[in-house]
């Protein structure tokens, strides 16, 4: 039953994009829009940029932090002097990530997230001037990473969102938020499976919705998730198409021996969350030395150029274009053109699907766990709602087409559904049923 009339706010902090939605009274959720450099946007890219601007009149340099489209703009204008970070949500549940140093200042994960949120609030303008005390924050069912610590991630979230001024911070599973968004158009009882595909995680939730005179009644039935999604697909593309041209699989000579170039350089290079850190890591000294003794020094020199000249965002764009093209066509051409580097290669959709086969298998297993946990047979699930950018990948959609009647499968609100649903959850009287607090 929904009785609350106060403003509620939902924030979907995503690996790739962040979206904020508000509700007032009994109205629909409204997504906050940003007047960004490239036009009016509802999605705020989850990126950060750091620059040191010279101080005037002998004053010390000024540290300028930006986020979202403004961070991208700062990076494009001056890539060599900009520390650009994307996909940093992937660090949230990692105990191994304690801090990074930017311009001689130490940043923990919660510092990065707080800096991001404060700039997001600034760019939202009047719509986020007067925030309610309570916020519903989306969280994945399973955080990204090899051994994710959900308690650690949520404690870091807690610190960052408190710096925005919230005093009642609640967390709801992201696919549950998407389910609430989808359920607003239901006219009869239905068992709904929501699949939310983000940049770092793929999450699934099954909810029973029943319209009634008092409003929409809902009962959670099952949930599951896995810490792989769009960024993991990107990793496979980089690993197959880009890293070999930058020295991966090559060798070097030292003390009369021929040894393989360490794979750890390329494991970090192929991950968006690690790319910005690799440039400032101790490995960078070793990579520079490797260029002098590698059997194919030109390839390692390319790796150094990508890192030194901050070509990471150009690489991200090239991979995004390839994925979009392969979602539409059976084959496409990968083109990465930045600085002195130009890589071009034809890619068949079947090749791409073979590269991401391990991730597809993990996603399939998580879908099956959700169905099994609900106690329902696939034929008893009435509606399937796919959301998130990776839901456009044909091989991902096939996972559902093989299990369900395609007529039951719907898509929509790929980038706005979670935040809107979170804001709607904030209007529920029994918040403890749908959210948790710290």
Protein backbone atom coordinates (compact mmCIF):
# COMPACT_ATOMS: atom_id res chain seq x y z
CA UNK A 1 0.00 0.00 0.00
CA UNK A 2 1.31 3.44 -0.92
CA UNK A 3 0.35 6.31 1.38
CA UNK A 4 3.35 8.61 1.52
CA UNK A 5 3.00 11.99 -0.16
CA UNK A 6 6.40 13.52 0.61
CA UNK A 7 9.08 13.81 -2.02
CA UNK A 8 11.10 10.64 -2.45
CA UNK A 9 14.37 10.32 -4.31
CA UNK A 10 15.98 7.32 -5.95
CA UNK A 11 19.58 7.20 -7.13
CA UNK A 12 20.87 4.54 -9.49
CA UNK A 13 24.64 4.84 -9.21
CA UNK A 14 25.78 2.66 -12.08
CA UNK A 15 29.12 1.48 -13.36
CA UNK A 16 28.59 3.35 -16.63
CA UNK A 17 25.77 5.83 -15.97
CA UNK A 18 24.05 7.35 -12.96
CA UNK A 19 20.39 8.38 -12.96
CA UNK A 20 18.38 10.28 -10.34
CA UNK A 21 14.58 10.30 -10.06
CA UNK A 22 12.10 12.13 -7.84
CA UNK A 23 8.46 11.53 -6.92
CA UNK A 24 6.06 13.89 -5.19
CA UNK A 25 2.65 12.94 -3.84
CA UNK A 26 1.01 10.21 -5.88
CA UNK A 27 2.65 11.26 -9.13
CA UNK A 28 4.93 9.34 -11.43
CA UNK A 29 8.67 9.32 -10.92
CA UNK A 30 10.41 12.12 -12.81
CA UNK A 31 14.01 11.69 -13.92
CA UNK A 32 16.31 14.66 -13.31
CA UNK A 33 17.81 16.05 -16.50
CA UNK A 34 21.15 17.75 -16.92
CA UNK A 35 21.96 20.59 -19.30
CA UNK A 36 25.25 19.03 -20.35
CA UNK A 37 27.82 20.32 -22.88
CA UNK A 38 26.49 17.96 -25.54
CA UNK A 39 22.81 18.63 -24.87
CA UNK A 40 20.06 17.79 -22.40
CA UNK A 41 20.65 14.39 -20.76
CA UNK A 42 18.87 12.11 -18.30
CA UNK A 43 21.91 9.89 -17.79
CA UNK A 44 24.97 11.24 -16.00
CA UNK A 45 28.11 9.35 -16.96
CA UNK A 46 29.82 7.76 -13.96
CA UNK A 47 33.17 9.39 -14.65
CA UNK A 48 35.54 11.69 -12.78
CA UNK A 49 38.29 14.03 -13.95
CA UNK A 50 41.02 15.71 -11.92
CA UNK A 51 43.14 18.62 -13.11
CA UNK A 52 45.56 21.05 -11.51
CA UNK A 53 45.02 24.60 -12.77
CA UNK A 54 47.83 27.13 -12.25
CA UNK A 55 47.18 29.54 -9.40
CA UNK A 56 47.00 33.25 -10.17
CA UNK A 57 49.19 35.88 -8.52
CA UNK A 58 51.58 33.34 -7.00
CA UNK A 59 48.88 31.26 -5.36
CA UNK A 60 49.25 27.45 -5.29
CA UNK A 61 47.68 25.38 -8.09
CA UNK A 62 43.94 24.78 -7.84
CA UNK A 63 42.61 21.21 -7.95
CA UNK A 64 39.55 21.08 -10.22
CA UNK A 65 37.31 18.03 -9.98
CA UNK A 66 34.56 17.32 -12.49
CA UNK A 67 32.11 14.51 -13.09
CA UNK A 68 29.80 13.14 -15.76
CA UNK A 69 29.76 14.86 -19.17
CA UNK A 70 31.82 17.71 -17.76
CA UNK A 71 34.58 15.26 -16.80
CA UNK A 72 34.58 13.90 -20.34
CA UNK A 73 34.74 17.43 -21.74
CA UNK A 74 37.73 18.26 -19.50
CA UNK A 75 39.47 15.08 -20.61
CA UNK A 76 38.85 15.71 -24.33
CA UNK A 77 40.15 19.27 -24.07
CA UNK A 78 43.35 18.35 -22.24
CA UNK A 79 43.91 14.58 -22.05
CA UNK A 80 47.59 14.78 -21.11
CA UNK A 81 46.96 16.87 -17.99
CA UNK A 82 43.75 15.14 -16.91
CA UNK A 83 43.37 12.14 -14.63
CA UNK A 84 40.24 10.51 -16.01
CA UNK A 85 38.49 7.71 -14.12
CA UNK A 86 35.55 5.61 -15.27
CA UNK A 87 33.81 2.44 -14.02
CA UNK A 88 35.06 3.18 -10.51
CA UNK A 89 31.97 1.52 -9.01
CA UNK A 90 33.82 -1.73 -9.73
CA UNK A 91 36.11 -0.89 -6.78
CA UNK A 92 33.24 -0.58 -4.29
CA UNK A 93 33.32 -4.11 -2.86
CA UNK A 94 37.07 -4.68 -3.25
CA UNK A 95 39.06 -4.87 -0.04
CA UNK A 96 42.20 -4.82 -2.20
CA UNK A 97 41.41 -1.27 -3.30
CA UNK A 98 42.22 1.00 -0.39
CA UNK A 99 43.09 4.27 -2.10
CA UNK A 100 44.60 5.92 -5.13
CA UNK A 101 46.86 8.97 -5.27
CA UNK A 102 45.82 11.84 -7.54
CA UNK A 103 47.96 14.98 -7.65
CA UNK A 104 49.64 13.97 -4.36
CA UNK A 105 46.30 13.57 -2.62
CA UNK A 106 44.98 10.23 -1.40
CA UNK A 107 41.44 9.21 -2.38
CA UNK A 108 39.60 6.27 -0.87
CA UNK A 109 36.63 4.83 -2.75
CA UNK A 110 34.20 6.83 -0.62
CA UNK A 111 36.15 10.01 -1.44
CA UNK A 112 35.81 9.33 -5.16
CA UNK A 113 32.09 8.59 -4.85
CA UNK A 114 31.45 11.64 -2.67
CA UNK A 115 33.33 13.87 -5.14
CA UNK A 116 31.24 12.41 -7.95
CA UNK A 117 27.92 12.86 -6.13
CA UNK A 118 28.68 16.43 -5.10
CA UNK A 119 29.42 17.42 -8.70
CA UNK A 120 26.29 15.61 -9.87
CA UNK A 121 24.24 17.58 -7.35
CA UNK A 122 25.88 20.81 -8.49
CA UNK A 123 25.01 20.17 -12.14
CA UNK A 124 21.44 19.17 -11.28
CA UNK A 125 20.85 22.76 -10.14
CA UNK A 126 17.63 23.70 -8.38
CA UNK A 127 16.12 20.22 -8.63
CA UNK A 128 18.59 18.94 -6.02
CA UNK A 129 18.97 22.08 -3.94
CA UNK A 130 16.59 20.94 -1.20
CA UNK A 131 17.05 17.21 -0.74
CA UNK A 132 14.72 15.10 1.42
CA UNK A 133 16.41 13.38 4.37
CA UNK A 134 15.76 9.93 2.89
CA UNK A 135 17.27 8.45 -0.26
CA UNK A 136 16.76 5.03 -1.83
CA UNK A 137 20.05 3.93 -3.38
CA UNK A 138 20.28 1.06 -5.82
CA UNK A 139 22.68 -1.78 -5.15
CA UNK A 140 23.49 -4.85 -7.26
CA UNK A 141 22.48 -8.28 -6.06
CA UNK A 142 26.12 -9.32 -6.42
CA UNK A 143 28.81 -6.65 -6.55
CA UNK A 144 31.49 -6.84 -9.23
CA UNK A 145 34.86 -8.37 -8.48
CA UNK A 146 36.48 -11.69 -7.72
CA UNK A 147 35.58 -11.80 -4.01
CA UNK A 148 33.17 -8.90 -3.49
CA UNK A 149 32.49 -7.72 0.07
CA UNK A 150 28.96 -6.30 0.04
CA UNK A 151 29.20 -4.97 3.60
CA UNK A 152 32.35 -3.07 2.72
CA UNK A 153 30.71 -1.61 -0.40
CA UNK A 154 27.63 -0.45 1.49
CA UNK A 155 29.70 1.09 4.28
CA UNK A 156 31.59 3.06 1.63
CA UNK A 157 28.29 4.09 0.02
CA UNK A 158 27.02 5.16 3.43
CA UNK A 159 29.94 7.52 3.99
CA UNK A 160 29.68 9.06 0.53
CA UNK A 161 25.90 9.60 0.48
CA UNK A 162 26.00 11.06 4.00
CA UNK A 163 28.35 13.75 2.69
CA UNK A 164 25.56 14.79 0.33
CA UNK A 165 23.41 15.55 3.40
CA UNK A 166 21.15 12.48 3.55
CA UNK A 167 20.40 11.21 7.04
CA UNK A 168 18.18 8.21 6.17
CA UNK A 169 20.03 6.18 3.54
CA UNK A 170 18.34 2.99 2.37
CA UNK A 171 19.44 0.42 -0.19
CA UNK A 172 17.26 -1.56 -2.59
CA UNK A 173 18.28 -4.15 -5.13
CA UNK A 174 18.57 -2.62 -8.59
CA UNK A 175 16.39 -5.21 -10.38
CA UNK A 176 13.68 -4.67 -7.74
CA UNK A 177 13.74 -0.97 -8.58
CA UNK A 178 13.31 -1.85 -12.26
CA UNK A 179 10.44 -4.18 -11.31
CA UNK A 180 8.58 -1.34 -9.61
CA UNK A 181 9.05 0.79 -12.70
CA UNK A 182 7.67 -1.96 -14.93
CA UNK A 183 4.77 -2.87 -12.62
CA UNK A 184 3.15 0.56 -12.79
CA UNK A 185 1.47 -0.46 -16.07
CA UNK A 186 0.17 -3.84 -14.89
CA UNK A 187 -3.63 -4.26 -14.83
CA UNK A 188 -3.79 -7.84 -13.56
CA UNK A 189 -1.75 -10.07 -11.21
CA UNK A 190 1.55 -11.18 -12.66
CA UNK A 191 4.79 -12.90 -11.73
CA UNK A 192 7.47 -10.61 -13.16
CA UNK A 193 11.11 -11.44 -13.84
CA UNK A 194 13.30 -8.37 -14.20
CA UNK A 195 16.77 -8.70 -15.70
CA UNK A 196 18.99 -5.67 -15.18
CA UNK A 197 22.21 -5.56 -17.16
CA UNK A 198 24.63 -2.85 -16.13
CA UNK A 199 28.26 -2.20 -16.81
CA UNK A 200 29.61 -4.27 -13.91
CA UNK A 201 26.81 -6.61 -12.82
CA UNK A 202 23.86 -8.59 -14.16
CA UNK A 203 21.02 -8.84 -11.65
CA UNK A 204 17.72 -10.71 -11.65
CA UNK A 205 14.64 -10.43 -9.48
CA UNK A 206 11.25 -12.17 -9.53
CA UNK A 207 8.35 -10.31 -7.91
CA UNK A 208 4.64 -11.08 -7.64
CA UNK A 209 2.50 -8.00 -8.33
CA UNK A 210 -1.23 -7.82 -7.60
CA UNK A 211 -3.31 -4.71 -8.35
CA UNK A 212 -5.84 -3.91 -5.59
CA UNK A 213 -8.11 -1.00 -4.59
CA UNK A 214 -5.42 0.05 -2.11
CA UNK A 215 -2.72 0.12 -4.73
CA UNK A 216 -0.26 -2.35 -6.17
CA UNK A 217 0.57 -5.17 -3.76
CA UNK A 218 3.92 -6.80 -4.30
CA UNK A 219 5.74 -9.82 -2.90
CA UNK A 220 9.41 -10.58 -3.54
CA UNK A 221 9.93 -14.19 -4.64
CA UNK A 222 13.61 -14.57 -5.58
CA UNK A 223 16.73 -12.77 -6.68
CA UNK A 224 20.17 -13.61 -8.01
CA UNK A 225 23.08 -11.87 -9.63
CA UNK A 226 26.56 -12.20 -11.02
CA UNK A 227 29.42 -9.71 -11.15
CA UNK A 228 29.80 -9.68 -14.93
CA UNK A 229 28.07 -7.54 -17.58
CA UNK A 230 28.97 -4.99 -20.23
CA UNK A 231 32.45 -4.17 -18.90
CA UNK A 232 33.35 -7.87 -18.97
CA UNK A 233 32.33 -7.97 -22.64
CA UNK A 234 34.58 -4.96 -23.22
CA UNK A 235 37.43 -6.82 -21.51
CA UNK A 236 37.10 -9.66 -24.01
CA UNK A 237 37.18 -7.28 -26.98
CA UNK A 238 40.29 -5.52 -25.69
CA UNK A 239 41.95 -8.82 -24.89
CA UNK A 240 41.27 -10.21 -28.36
CA UNK A 241 41.67 -7.16 -30.61
CA UNK A 242 43.74 -4.52 -28.83
CA UNK A 243 46.17 -6.04 -26.34
CA UNK A 244 47.94 -8.30 -28.89
CA UNK A 245 48.74 -5.20 -30.96
CA UNK A 246 50.18 -3.61 -27.80
CA UNK A 247 52.53 -6.45 -26.92
CA UNK A 248 50.36 -9.06 -25.21
CA UNK A 249 51.70 -12.54 -25.92
CA UNK A 250 55.10 -11.14 -26.85
CA UNK A 251 58.47 -11.73 -25.24
CA UNK A 252 61.62 -9.91 -24.17
CA UNK A 253 65.28 -10.82 -23.77
CA UNK A 254 67.27 -10.43 -20.59
CA UNK A 255 70.47 -12.05 -19.35
CA UNK A 256 70.57 -14.20 -22.45
CA UNK A 257 67.07 -15.59 -21.87
CA UNK A 258 63.81 -15.07 -23.71
CA UNK A 259 60.86 -14.54 -21.33
CA UNK A 260 57.17 -13.76 -21.84
CA UNK A 261 55.97 -10.21 -21.20
CA UNK A 262 53.98 -10.32 -17.91
CA UNK A 263 50.28 -10.80 -18.51
CA UNK A 264 49.31 -8.68 -15.51
CA UNK A 265 49.98 -5.49 -17.49
CA UNK A 266 47.31 -6.46 -20.00
CA UNK A 267 44.86 -7.83 -17.43
CA UNK A 268 44.82 -4.37 -15.86
CA UNK A 269 44.89 -2.57 -19.21
CA UNK A 270 41.74 -4.37 -20.39
CA UNK A 271 39.64 -3.23 -17.41
CA UNK A 272 38.18 0.28 -17.39
CA UNK A 273 38.41 0.53 -13.61
CA UNK A 274 42.13 -0.36 -13.68
CA UNK A 275 43.19 1.60 -16.75
CA UNK A 276 43.48 4.98 -15.02
CA UNK A 277 45.38 3.41 -12.12
CA UNK A 278 47.85 1.56 -14.36
CA UNK A 279 49.18 4.86 -15.68
CA UNK A 280 50.14 5.90 -12.15
CA UNK A 281 51.24 2.49 -10.86
CA UNK A 282 54.68 1.06 -10.17
CA UNK A 283 54.16 -1.24 -13.17
CA UNK A 284 54.49 1.78 -15.46
CA UNK A 285 58.23 1.96 -14.79
CA UNK A 286 58.56 -1.72 -15.73
CA UNK A 287 56.51 -1.25 -18.90
CA UNK A 288 58.80 1.59 -20.03
CA UNK A 289 61.83 -0.61 -19.42
CA UNK A 290 60.14 -3.45 -21.30
CA UNK A 291 59.93 -1.33 -24.46
CA UNK A 292 63.74 -1.29 -24.59
CA UNK A 293 64.19 -5.06 -24.41
CA UNK A 294 61.01 -6.40 -26.03
CA UNK A 295 61.40 -8.41 -29.20
CA UNK A 296 58.66 -6.24 -30.73
CA UNK A 297 59.35 -2.87 -29.07
CA UNK A 298 56.93 -0.99 -31.30
CA UNK A 299 53.97 -2.85 -29.82
CA UNK A 300 54.95 -2.05 -26.24
CA UNK A 301 55.53 1.55 -27.31
CA UNK A 302 51.88 1.63 -28.39
CA UNK A 303 50.83 0.47 -24.91
CA UNK A 304 52.89 3.26 -23.38
CA UNK A 305 51.33 5.81 -25.73
CA UNK A 306 47.79 4.71 -24.85
CA UNK A 307 48.59 5.11 -21.15
CA UNK A 308 50.74 8.25 -21.31
CA UNK A 309 48.47 10.09 -23.74
CA UNK A 310 45.28 9.00 -21.99
CA UNK A 311 43.67 7.27 -24.97
CA UNK A 312 41.44 5.20 -22.69
CA UNK A 313 38.24 7.08 -23.44
CA UNK A 314 38.83 6.89 -27.20
CA UNK A 315 39.27 3.14 -26.77
CA UNK A 316 36.02 2.96 -24.78
CA UNK A 317 34.17 4.74 -27.59
CA UNK A 318 35.60 2.40 -30.23
CA UNK A 319 34.47 -0.65 -28.29
CA UNK A 320 31.02 0.81 -27.60
CA UNK A 321 30.55 1.43 -31.33
CA UNK A 322 31.59 -2.14 -32.13
CA UNK A 323 29.11 -3.61 -29.64
CA UNK A 324 26.28 -1.46 -30.99
CA UNK A 325 27.11 -2.43 -34.57
CA UNK A 326 27.23 -6.13 -33.69
CA UNK A 327 23.89 -5.86 -31.91
CA UNK A 328 22.41 -4.73 -35.21
CA UNK A 329 24.49 -6.55 -37.85
CA UNK A 330 26.10 -9.97 -38.26
CA UNK A 331 29.52 -8.38 -38.74
CA UNK A 332 31.21 -5.05 -38.11
CA UNK A 333 34.59 -3.34 -38.29
CA UNK A 334 36.46 -2.40 -35.13
CA UNK A 335 38.35 0.88 -35.50
CA UNK A 336 40.52 2.44 -32.80
CA UNK A 337 42.19 5.63 -33.99
CA UNK A 338 44.02 7.75 -31.42
CA UNK A 339 47.32 9.62 -31.63
CA UNK A 340 49.71 7.63 -33.78
CA UNK A 341 47.77 4.41 -33.23
CA UNK A 342 45.25 3.01 -35.66
CA UNK A 343 43.87 -0.49 -35.24
CA UNK A 344 41.25 -1.87 -37.59
CA UNK A 345 39.81 -5.39 -37.77
CA UNK A 346 36.66 -7.09 -39.04
CA UNK A 347 34.63 -8.88 -36.36
CA UNK A 348 31.80 -11.35 -36.90
CA UNK A 349 29.03 -11.51 -34.32
CA UNK A 350 29.76 -15.23 -33.94
CA UNK A 351 33.38 -14.38 -33.00
CA UNK A 352 32.25 -11.89 -30.39
CA UNK A 353 29.81 -14.42 -28.93
CA UNK A 354 32.60 -17.00 -28.69
CA UNK A 355 34.80 -14.50 -26.82
CA UNK A 356 32.06 -13.75 -24.25
CA UNK A 357 30.91 -17.38 -23.86
CA UNK A 358 32.15 -17.62 -20.21
CA UNK A 359 30.20 -14.49 -19.26
CA UNK A 360 27.09 -15.70 -21.07
CA UNK A 361 27.28 -19.00 -19.18
CA UNK A 362 27.56 -17.16 -15.85
CA UNK A 363 24.55 -14.99 -16.73
CA UNK A 364 22.51 -18.05 -17.73
CA UNK A 365 23.32 -19.77 -14.46
CA UNK A 366 22.20 -16.70 -12.48
CA UNK A 367 18.89 -16.57 -14.40
CA UNK A 368 18.28 -20.24 -13.61
CA UNK A 369 19.07 -19.68 -9.91
CA UNK A 370 16.44 -16.94 -9.76
CA UNK A 371 13.81 -19.14 -11.41
CA UNK A 372 14.62 -22.07 -9.13
CA UNK A 373 14.57 -19.86 -6.05
CA UNK A 374 11.12 -18.52 -6.90
CA UNK A 375 9.57 -21.98 -6.88
CA UNK A 376 7.99 -21.23 -10.24
CA UNK A 377 8.31 -23.02 -13.54
CA UNK A 378 9.34 -20.83 -16.48
CA UNK A 379 5.81 -21.06 -17.89
CA UNK A 380 4.47 -19.58 -14.62
CA UNK A 381 6.44 -16.37 -15.07
CA UNK A 382 4.01 -14.03 -16.81
CA UNK A 383 6.19 -11.11 -17.82
CA UNK A 384 9.90 -10.66 -18.41
CA UNK A 385 11.36 -7.17 -18.40
CA UNK A 386 14.89 -6.63 -19.74
CA UNK A 387 16.65 -3.39 -18.93
CA UNK A 388 20.15 -1.95 -19.18
CA UNK A 389 22.42 -1.40 -22.16
CA UNK A 390 23.75 -4.97 -22.35
CA UNK A 391 20.19 -6.24 -22.85
CA UNK A 392 20.60 -5.16 -26.49
CA UNK A 393 23.25 -7.84 -27.13
CA UNK A 394 21.53 -10.60 -29.17
CA UNK A 395 23.27 -13.44 -27.33
CA UNK A 396 21.99 -12.05 -24.03
CA UNK A 397 18.43 -11.78 -25.33
CA UNK A 398 18.65 -15.36 -26.60
CA UNK A 399 19.08 -16.54 -23.00
CA UNK A 400 15.50 -15.43 -22.38
CA UNK A 401 14.08 -16.37 -25.76
CA UNK A 402 15.15 -19.97 -25.10
CA UNK A 403 13.42 -20.09 -21.70
CA UNK A 404 10.27 -18.04 -22.20
CA UNK A 405 7.65 -17.27 -24.78
CA UNK A 406 9.14 -14.28 -26.66
CA UNK A 407 5.70 -12.62 -26.51
CA UNK A 408 6.17 -12.25 -22.73
CA UNK A 409 9.48 -10.41 -23.06
CA UNK A 410 9.52 -6.61 -22.98
CA UNK A 411 12.16 -3.93 -22.90
CA UNK A 412 12.11 -0.23 -22.16
CA UNK A 413 13.51 2.50 -19.97
CA UNK A 414 16.90 0.90 -20.40
CA UNK A 415 18.66 3.72 -18.61
CA UNK A 416 15.93 5.25 -16.43
CA UNK A 417 13.89 2.36 -15.06
CA UNK A 418 15.94 1.61 -11.95
CA UNK A 419 16.13 5.15 -10.58
CA UNK A 420 12.41 5.67 -11.24
CA UNK A 421 11.56 2.41 -9.51
CA UNK A 422 13.76 3.28 -6.53
CA UNK A 423 11.92 6.58 -6.11
CA UNK A 424 8.61 4.68 -6.23
CA UNK A 425 9.85 2.24 -3.60
CA UNK A 426 10.46 5.27 -1.39
CA UNK A 427 6.68 5.78 -1.28
CA UNK A 428 6.02 2.30 0.18
CA UNK A 429 4.79 2.25 3.77
CA UNK A 430 6.67 -0.95 4.63
CA UNK A 431 10.11 0.11 3.50
CA UNK A 432 11.79 -2.69 5.45
CA UNK A 433 10.25 -5.20 3.05
CA UNK A 434 12.05 -3.67 0.11
CA UNK A 435 15.08 -1.86 1.50
CA UNK A 436 17.85 -2.19 4.04
CA UNK A 437 19.65 0.48 6.03
CA UNK A 438 23.05 0.60 7.68
